[in-house]
N, C-alpha and C. Protein backbone atom coordinates (compact mmCIF):
# COMPACT_ATOMS: atom_id res chain seq x y z
N MET A 1 0.72 -1.36 -0.06
CA MET A 1 -0.01 -0.04 0.10
C MET A 1 0.77 1.13 0.21
N TYR A 2 1.72 1.56 0.92
CA TYR A 2 2.62 2.44 0.78
C TYR A 2 4.02 1.99 0.61
N THR A 3 4.86 2.89 0.19
CA THR A 3 6.20 2.42 0.37
C THR A 3 6.97 2.69 1.60
N GLN A 4 8.10 2.32 1.74
CA GLN A 4 8.71 2.42 3.27
C GLN A 4 8.95 4.11 3.67
N LYS A 5 9.35 4.74 2.18
CA LYS A 5 9.64 6.13 2.26
C LYS A 5 8.43 6.78 2.62
N GLU A 6 7.35 6.41 2.39
CA GLU A 6 5.98 7.32 2.43
C GLU A 6 5.78 7.04 3.95
N GLU A 7 5.80 5.67 4.29
CA GLU A 7 5.51 5.32 6.07
C GLU A 7 6.15 6.32 6.66
N ALA A 8 7.72 6.40 6.65
CA ALA A 8 8.61 7.29 7.21
C ALA A 8 8.23 8.62 7.41
N PHE A 9 7.90 9.07 6.39
CA PHE A 9 7.22 10.48 5.85
C PHE A 9 6.10 10.51 6.75
N MET A 10 5.03 9.65 6.58
CA MET A 10 3.84 9.76 7.59
C MET A 10 4.23 10.03 8.86
N LYS A 11 5.04 8.99 9.44
CA LYS A 11 5.14 9.04 11.13
C LYS A 11 6.02 10.36 11.44
N TYR A 12 6.94 10.90 10.61
CA TYR A 12 7.85 11.94 10.71
C TYR A 12 7.12 13.14 10.72
N TRP A 13 5.93 13.52 9.76
CA TRP A 13 5.30 14.58 9.73
C TRP A 13 4.14 14.38 10.50
N GLU A 14 3.63 13.43 11.03
CA GLU A 14 2.42 13.49 12.20
C GLU A 14 3.31 13.87 13.48
N ALA A 15 4.26 13.48 13.79
CA ALA A 15 4.79 13.84 14.97
C ALA A 15 5.47 15.22 15.25
N ASN A 16 5.64 15.85 13.94
CA ASN A 16 6.57 17.01 13.88
C ASN A 16 6.04 17.98 12.74
N ARG A 17 4.77 18.01 12.18
CA ARG A 17 4.20 19.07 11.72
C ARG A 17 3.90 20.67 12.55
N LEU A 18 3.33 20.47 13.67
CA LEU A 18 3.16 21.45 14.15
C LEU A 18 4.17 22.24 14.98
N LYS A 19 5.14 21.62 14.92
CA LYS A 19 6.67 22.23 15.41
C LYS A 19 7.16 22.69 14.28
N LYS A 20 7.18 22.17 12.75
CA LYS A 20 7.94 22.93 11.86
C LYS A 20 7.18 23.84 10.94
N LYS A 21 5.80 24.08 11.55
CA LYS A 21 4.97 25.33 11.03
C LYS A 21 5.64 26.54 11.51
N ARG A 22 5.78 27.06 12.91
CA ARG A 22 6.47 27.79 13.25
C ARG A 22 7.94 27.70 13.66
N SER A 23 8.59 27.18 13.20
CA SER A 23 10.31 27.04 13.55
C SER A 23 10.91 28.09 13.07
N LEU A 24 11.65 28.62 13.88
CA LEU A 24 12.83 29.82 13.52
C LEU A 24 13.78 29.20 12.56
N LYS A 25 14.31 27.78 12.85
CA LYS A 25 15.23 26.93 12.23
C LYS A 25 14.93 27.04 10.78
N ASN A 26 13.82 26.79 10.35
CA ASN A 26 13.07 26.73 9.02
C ASN A 26 13.58 28.06 7.97
N ILE A 27 13.08 29.11 8.79
CA ILE A 27 13.26 30.73 8.22
C ILE A 27 14.86 31.02 8.23
N LEU A 28 15.53 30.26 9.18
CA LEU A 28 16.93 30.52 9.03
C LEU A 28 17.56 29.81 8.13
N ILE A 29 17.42 28.70 7.67
CA ILE A 29 18.08 27.83 6.57
C ILE A 29 17.42 28.45 5.26
N SER A 30 16.37 28.80 5.24
CA SER A 30 15.90 29.61 3.95
C SER A 30 16.42 30.96 3.75
N THR A 31 16.99 31.61 4.67
CA THR A 31 17.77 32.75 4.40
C THR A 31 18.78 33.07 3.46
N PRO A 32 19.12 31.77 3.19
CA PRO A 32 20.40 32.17 2.29
C PRO A 32 20.30 32.34 0.70
N LEU A 33 18.74 32.04 0.41
CA LEU A 33 17.94 32.26 -0.78
C LEU A 33 18.03 33.54 -1.08
N GLY A 34 17.39 34.40 -0.08
CA GLY A 34 17.53 35.90 -0.13
C GLY A 34 18.73 36.56 -0.10
N LEU A 35 20.10 36.05 0.52
CA LEU A 35 20.69 36.66 0.59
C LEU A 35 21.34 36.63 -0.55
N ILE A 36 21.52 35.57 -1.45
CA ILE A 36 22.04 35.08 -2.65
C ILE A 36 21.31 36.40 -3.65
N LEU A 37 20.29 36.35 -3.80
CA LEU A 37 19.56 37.64 -4.25
C LEU A 37 20.03 39.05 -4.13
N VAL A 38 19.87 39.33 -3.02
CA VAL A 38 20.55 40.67 -2.57
C VAL A 38 21.73 41.06 -3.08
N ILE A 39 22.39 40.23 -2.84
CA ILE A 39 24.18 40.33 -3.28
C ILE A 39 24.14 40.64 -4.44
N ALA A 40 23.30 39.69 -5.40
CA ALA A 40 23.16 39.83 -6.80
C ALA A 40 22.75 41.11 -7.54
N VAL A 41 21.70 41.79 -6.63
CA VAL A 41 21.39 42.90 -6.57
C VAL A 41 22.44 44.13 -6.75
N PHE A 42 23.08 43.89 -5.50
CA PHE A 42 24.32 44.92 -4.81
C PHE A 42 25.58 45.00 -5.79
N ILE A 43 25.56 43.71 -6.30
CA ILE A 43 26.55 43.68 -7.43
C ILE A 43 26.27 44.35 -8.54
N ASN A 44 25.22 43.89 -9.11
CA ASN A 44 24.77 44.69 -10.39
C ASN A 44 24.81 46.08 -10.13
N PHE A 45 23.95 46.63 -8.96
CA PHE A 45 24.18 48.12 -8.65
C PHE A 45 25.39 48.55 -8.46
N PHE A 46 26.67 48.47 -8.01
CA PHE A 46 27.68 49.15 -7.67
C PHE A 46 28.63 48.73 -8.59
N SER A 47 28.52 47.92 -9.74
CA SER A 47 29.34 47.61 -11.09
C SER A 47 29.62 48.53 -11.65
N GLY A 48 28.52 49.40 -11.67
CA GLY A 48 28.50 50.45 -12.48
C GLY A 48 28.46 50.23 -14.05
N TRP A 49 27.92 49.28 -14.45
CA TRP A 49 27.81 49.05 -16.06
C TRP A 49 26.97 50.02 -16.66
N TYR A 50 25.90 50.57 -15.89
CA TYR A 50 25.27 51.38 -16.71
C TYR A 50 25.27 52.88 -15.81
N LYS A 51 26.04 53.73 -16.77
CA LYS A 51 26.58 54.91 -16.42
C LYS A 51 25.53 56.02 -16.08
N ARG A 52 24.29 55.95 -16.56
CA ARG A 52 23.37 57.05 -16.00
C ARG A 52 22.84 56.44 -14.74
N ALA A 53 22.59 55.07 -14.57
CA ALA A 53 22.10 54.58 -12.89
C ALA A 53 23.37 55.26 -12.12
N ALA A 54 24.55 54.98 -12.43
CA ALA A 54 25.56 55.28 -11.86
C ALA A 54 25.44 56.93 -10.98
N MET A 55 25.63 57.61 -12.19
CA MET A 55 25.33 59.11 -11.86
C MET A 55 24.00 59.41 -10.94
N ASP A 56 23.04 58.72 -11.14
CA ASP A 56 21.96 58.82 -10.29
C ASP A 56 21.97 58.59 -8.80
N ALA A 57 23.01 57.39 -8.62
CA ALA A 57 22.95 56.68 -7.63
C ALA A 57 24.11 57.82 -6.71
N ASN A 58 25.04 58.50 -7.35
CA ASN A 58 25.79 59.66 -6.60
C ASN A 58 25.48 60.63 -6.27
N ALA A 59 24.29 60.83 -7.24
CA ALA A 59 23.52 62.25 -6.99
C ALA A 59 22.66 62.06 -5.73
N ASP A 60 21.99 60.90 -5.38
CA ASP A 60 21.36 61.06 -3.90
C ASP A 60 21.85 60.08 -3.07
N PRO A 61 22.27 60.79 -1.82
CA PRO A 61 22.93 59.93 -0.96
C PRO A 61 22.35 59.01 0.13
N SER A 62 20.81 59.33 0.23
CA SER A 62 20.09 58.71 0.82
C SER A 62 19.50 57.41 0.17
N LEU A 63 20.16 56.84 -1.16
CA LEU A 63 19.94 56.03 -1.79
C LEU A 63 20.38 54.39 -1.51
N ILE A 64 21.42 55.01 -0.99
CA ILE A 64 22.49 53.72 0.01
C ILE A 64 21.48 53.09 1.06
N LEU A 65 20.65 53.75 1.57
CA LEU A 65 19.91 53.69 2.96
C LEU A 65 18.79 52.87 2.38
N ILE A 66 18.14 53.39 1.21
CA ILE A 66 16.91 52.61 0.61
C ILE A 66 17.23 51.39 0.33
N LEU A 67 18.37 50.96 -0.34
CA LEU A 67 18.76 49.86 -1.04
C LEU A 67 19.11 49.03 0.39
N LEU A 68 19.68 49.40 1.27
CA LEU A 68 19.67 48.38 2.55
C LEU A 68 18.53 48.12 3.07
N ILE A 69 17.63 48.82 3.16
CA ILE A 69 16.32 48.76 3.69
C ILE A 69 15.64 47.72 3.19
N ALA A 70 15.66 47.90 1.72
CA ALA A 70 15.12 47.11 0.66
C ALA A 70 15.49 45.96 0.74
N GLY A 71 16.97 45.55 0.87
CA GLY A 71 17.53 44.25 0.92
C GLY A 71 17.31 43.48 2.07
N ILE A 72 17.09 44.11 2.95
CA ILE A 72 16.73 43.58 4.38
C ILE A 72 15.10 42.72 4.06
N ILE A 73 14.31 43.72 3.71
CA ILE A 73 12.79 43.13 3.37
C ILE A 73 12.83 42.43 2.43
N ILE A 74 13.80 42.08 1.31
CA ILE A 74 13.79 40.97 0.39
C ILE A 74 14.07 39.83 1.06
N VAL A 75 15.35 40.05 2.01
CA VAL A 75 15.68 38.70 2.78
C VAL A 75 14.80 38.16 3.33
N ALA A 76 14.18 39.12 4.34
CA ALA A 76 13.08 38.59 5.24
C ALA A 76 11.74 37.76 4.44
N PHE A 77 11.50 38.40 3.59
CA PHE A 77 10.29 37.77 2.99
C PHE A 77 10.38 36.69 1.88
N THR A 78 11.93 36.45 1.42
CA THR A 78 12.12 35.27 1.05
C THR A 78 12.14 34.08 1.67
N ALA A 79 13.11 34.20 3.05
CA ALA A 79 12.88 33.58 4.12
C ALA A 79 11.76 33.06 4.80
N ILE A 80 10.84 33.82 4.95
CA ILE A 80 9.31 33.50 5.48
C ILE A 80 8.57 32.90 4.74
N PHE A 81 8.64 33.52 2.97
CA PHE A 81 7.59 32.65 2.11
C PHE A 81 8.07 31.21 1.90
N SER A 82 9.60 31.17 1.95
CA SER A 82 9.96 29.74 1.51
C SER A 82 10.13 28.79 2.35
N SER A 83 9.73 29.35 3.90
CA SER A 83 9.92 28.24 4.88
C SER A 83 8.58 27.72 4.82
N TYR A 84 7.45 28.89 4.97
CA TYR A 84 5.79 28.64 4.49
C TYR A 84 5.81 27.80 3.62
N HIS A 85 6.31 27.99 2.34
CA HIS A 85 5.97 27.20 1.34
C HIS A 85 6.40 25.24 1.32
N LYS A 86 7.62 25.48 1.84
CA LYS A 86 8.07 23.95 2.04
C LYS A 86 7.05 23.33 2.97
N TRP A 87 6.72 23.87 4.12
CA TRP A 87 5.90 23.52 5.21
C TRP A 87 4.45 22.89 4.58
N ASP A 88 3.87 24.03 3.51
CA ASP A 88 2.93 23.71 2.86
C ASP A 88 2.77 22.61 1.76
N ILE A 89 4.02 22.44 0.99
CA ILE A 89 4.05 21.05 0.29
C ILE A 89 4.21 20.00 1.29
N ASN A 90 4.76 20.13 2.16
CA ASN A 90 5.02 18.76 3.08
C ASN A 90 3.52 18.40 3.68
N GLU A 91 2.81 19.38 3.69
CA GLU A 91 1.40 19.53 4.41
C GLU A 91 0.38 18.49 3.41
N ASN A 92 0.59 19.15 2.03
CA ASN A 92 -0.42 18.44 1.07
C ASN A 92 0.03 17.11 0.70
N TYR A 93 1.31 17.06 1.01
CA TYR A 93 1.79 15.59 0.79
C TYR A 93 1.42 14.82 1.46
N TYR A 94 1.12 14.93 2.73
CA TYR A 94 0.81 14.26 3.88
C TYR A 94 -0.75 14.15 3.86
N LYS A 95 -1.39 15.12 3.42
CA LYS A 95 -3.02 14.89 3.25
C LYS A 95 -3.52 14.14 1.82
N GLU A 96 -2.47 14.22 1.13
CA GLU A 96 -2.69 12.97 -0.07
C GLU A 96 -2.34 11.89 0.46
N LEU A 97 -1.55 11.49 1.34
CA LEU A 97 -1.00 10.10 1.65
C LEU A 97 -2.58 9.42 2.59
N LEU A 98 -2.83 10.77 3.45
CA LEU A 98 -3.96 10.34 4.25
C LEU A 98 -5.29 9.71 3.49
N ALA A 99 -5.33 10.48 2.43
CA ALA A 99 -6.70 10.55 1.42
C ALA A 99 -6.68 9.02 0.77
N ARG A 100 -5.26 8.58 0.54
CA ARG A 100 -4.96 7.77 -0.12
C ARG A 100 -5.22 6.38 0.85
N LYS A 101 -5.06 6.62 2.07
CA LYS A 101 -5.23 5.41 3.25
C LYS A 101 -6.66 5.31 3.41
N GLU A 102 -7.30 6.30 3.21
CA GLU A 102 -8.88 6.17 3.66
C GLU A 102 -9.37 5.72 2.28
N LYS A 103 -8.95 6.03 1.22
CA LYS A 103 -10.10 5.64 0.11
C LYS A 103 -9.80 4.02 -0.11
N LYS A 104 -8.51 3.54 0.40
CA LYS A 104 -8.64 1.91 0.20
C LYS A 104 -9.24 1.28 1.47
């Protein structure tokens, strides 16, 4: 009826599903994705490949502060969204397995 992997997942998820929903560890694991995105944006911004954007950036000193705040928001959003998305995928898989069990 179930493979060994599916049975192991059902036991694990049944015991840990509520812990995993609001876990700081899951959010911290998802943080590097947002950091990579923000670092790529900063590298692109500070490389100076687009001269007009570089002139505009040098004209407004508060732009660096805005970029830092935006970077923090991007990292936080991607970490939280990714964490909840992983939890939702596992929860849907668990519900599919339960529905399959009840069907038979």
